[in-house]
Amino acid sequence: MEAGAPVEIRPLTESDIALLRQDVQTRKMEIVTRAMDFTDAEDSGFWPVYNDYANEQRKLGDKKYEIIKDYAENYDQMNDGKAAELTDKMLELD
């Protein structure tokens, strides 16, 4: 890109975010696999538990994402009531 050339910026789509999240999850699994160096028995016992944990984390991430989207959609008309609602929802998840 040449200096001074305009940069096109576009918002992330739902599809972009899904791909990013999948990539992060895949990389996390690769890191755990390399770091833990499981035996076959350990491997077969660990991954079902890890996958359950990761699914629960994904559900929490989905809920946080929805709160963030709600915030962004209501940013221009944000009032104390809506701010308190969003804060309460986020704190409940934490």
Protein backbone atom coordinates (compact mmCIF):
# COMPACT_ATOMS: atom_id res chain seq x y z
CA MET A 1 0.00 0.00 0.00
CA GLU A 2 1.40 3.39 -0.88
CA ALA A 3 1.84 6.07 1.73
CA GLY A 4 -1.15 8.31 2.08
CA ALA A 5 -3.48 5.92 0.29
CA PRO A 6 -6.91 5.75 1.88
CA VAL A 7 -7.53 2.75 4.07
CA GLU A 8 -10.89 1.07 3.81
CA ILE A 9 -12.24 0.08 7.19
CA ARG A 10 -15.29 -2.08 7.52
CA PRO A 11 -16.97 -3.37 10.65
CA LEU A 12 -16.56 -7.01 11.57
CA THR A 13 -19.46 -9.20 10.54
CA GLU A 14 -20.98 -12.01 12.57
CA SER A 15 -19.17 -14.41 10.26
CA ASP A 16 -15.82 -12.66 10.86
CA ILE A 17 -16.29 -12.91 14.61
CA ALA A 18 -17.27 -16.58 14.42
CA LEU A 19 -14.14 -17.34 12.39
CA LEU A 20 -11.94 -15.44 14.82
CA ARG A 21 -13.43 -17.25 17.80
CA GLN A 22 -12.95 -20.64 16.10
CA ASP A 23 -9.35 -19.78 15.30
CA VAL A 24 -8.67 -18.82 18.91
CA GLN A 25 -10.22 -22.07 20.15
CA THR A 26 -8.20 -24.13 17.68
CA ARG A 27 -4.98 -22.41 18.71
CA LYS A 28 -5.76 -22.91 22.40
CA MET A 29 -6.23 -26.63 21.79
CA GLU A 30 -2.94 -26.79 19.88
CA ILE A 31 -1.11 -25.07 22.74
CA VAL A 32 -2.65 -27.36 25.37
CA THR A 33 -1.82 -30.42 23.28
CA ARG A 34 1.83 -29.41 22.91
CA ALA A 35 2.24 -28.26 26.51
CA MET A 36 0.62 -31.25 28.20
CA ASP A 37 2.17 -34.06 26.10
CA PHE A 38 -0.58 -36.47 27.15
CA THR A 39 -0.38 -40.22 27.04
CA ASP A 40 -3.21 -41.88 25.11
CA ALA A 41 -5.07 -42.60 28.37
CA GLU A 42 -4.63 -39.02 29.61
CA ASP A 43 -5.67 -37.67 26.23
CA SER A 44 -8.90 -39.66 26.16
CA GLY A 45 -9.76 -38.56 29.70
CA PHE A 46 -8.83 -34.91 29.33
CA TRP A 47 -10.46 -33.76 26.09
CA PRO A 48 -14.08 -34.59 26.94
CA VAL A 49 -13.75 -32.56 30.15
CA TYR A 50 -11.94 -29.75 28.35
CA ASN A 51 -14.56 -29.69 25.58
CA ASP A 52 -17.38 -29.39 28.14
CA TYR A 53 -15.50 -26.53 29.80
CA ALA A 54 -14.84 -24.83 26.45
CA ASN A 55 -18.53 -25.13 25.50
CA GLU A 56 -19.59 -23.46 28.75
CA GLN A 57 -17.01 -20.71 28.18
CA ARG A 58 -18.34 -20.25 24.64
CA LYS A 59 -21.87 -19.82 25.99
CA LEU A 60 -20.65 -17.14 28.40
CA GLY A 61 -18.77 -15.47 25.55
CA ASP A 62 -21.94 -15.49 23.45
CA LYS A 63 -23.87 -13.78 26.25
CA LYS A 64 -21.14 -11.16 26.73
CA TYR A 65 -21.06 -10.54 22.99
CA GLU A 66 -24.83 -9.97 22.99
CA ILE A 67 -24.48 -7.44 25.83
CA ILE A 68 -21.73 -5.61 23.94
CA LYS A 69 -23.90 -5.54 20.79
CA ASP A 70 -26.82 -4.22 22.86
CA TYR A 71 -24.54 -1.49 24.23
CA ALA A 72 -23.34 -0.52 20.75
CA GLU A 73 -26.89 -0.45 19.36
CA ASN A 74 -28.08 1.78 22.21
CA TYR A 75 -24.99 3.96 22.56
CA ASP A 76 -26.51 7.13 21.07
CA GLN A 77 -29.61 6.98 23.25
CA MET A 78 -28.01 5.47 26.37
CA ASN A 79 -29.70 6.46 29.62
CA ASP A 80 -29.07 5.55 33.24
CA GLY A 81 -31.64 2.74 33.20
CA LYS A 82 -30.17 1.03 30.13
CA ALA A 83 -26.62 1.51 31.43
CA ALA A 84 -27.59 -0.08 34.75
CA GLU A 85 -29.31 -2.98 32.95
CA LEU A 86 -26.25 -3.72 30.81
CA THR A 87 -23.90 -3.37 33.78
CA ASP A 88 -26.01 -5.75 35.85
CA LYS A 89 -26.07 -8.31 33.03
CA MET A 90 -22.29 -8.16 32.61
CA LEU A 91 -21.63 -8.39 36.34
CA GLU A 92 -23.98 -11.36 36.60
CA LEU A 93 -21.92 -13.19 33.99
CA ASP A 94 -18.66 -12.38 35.75
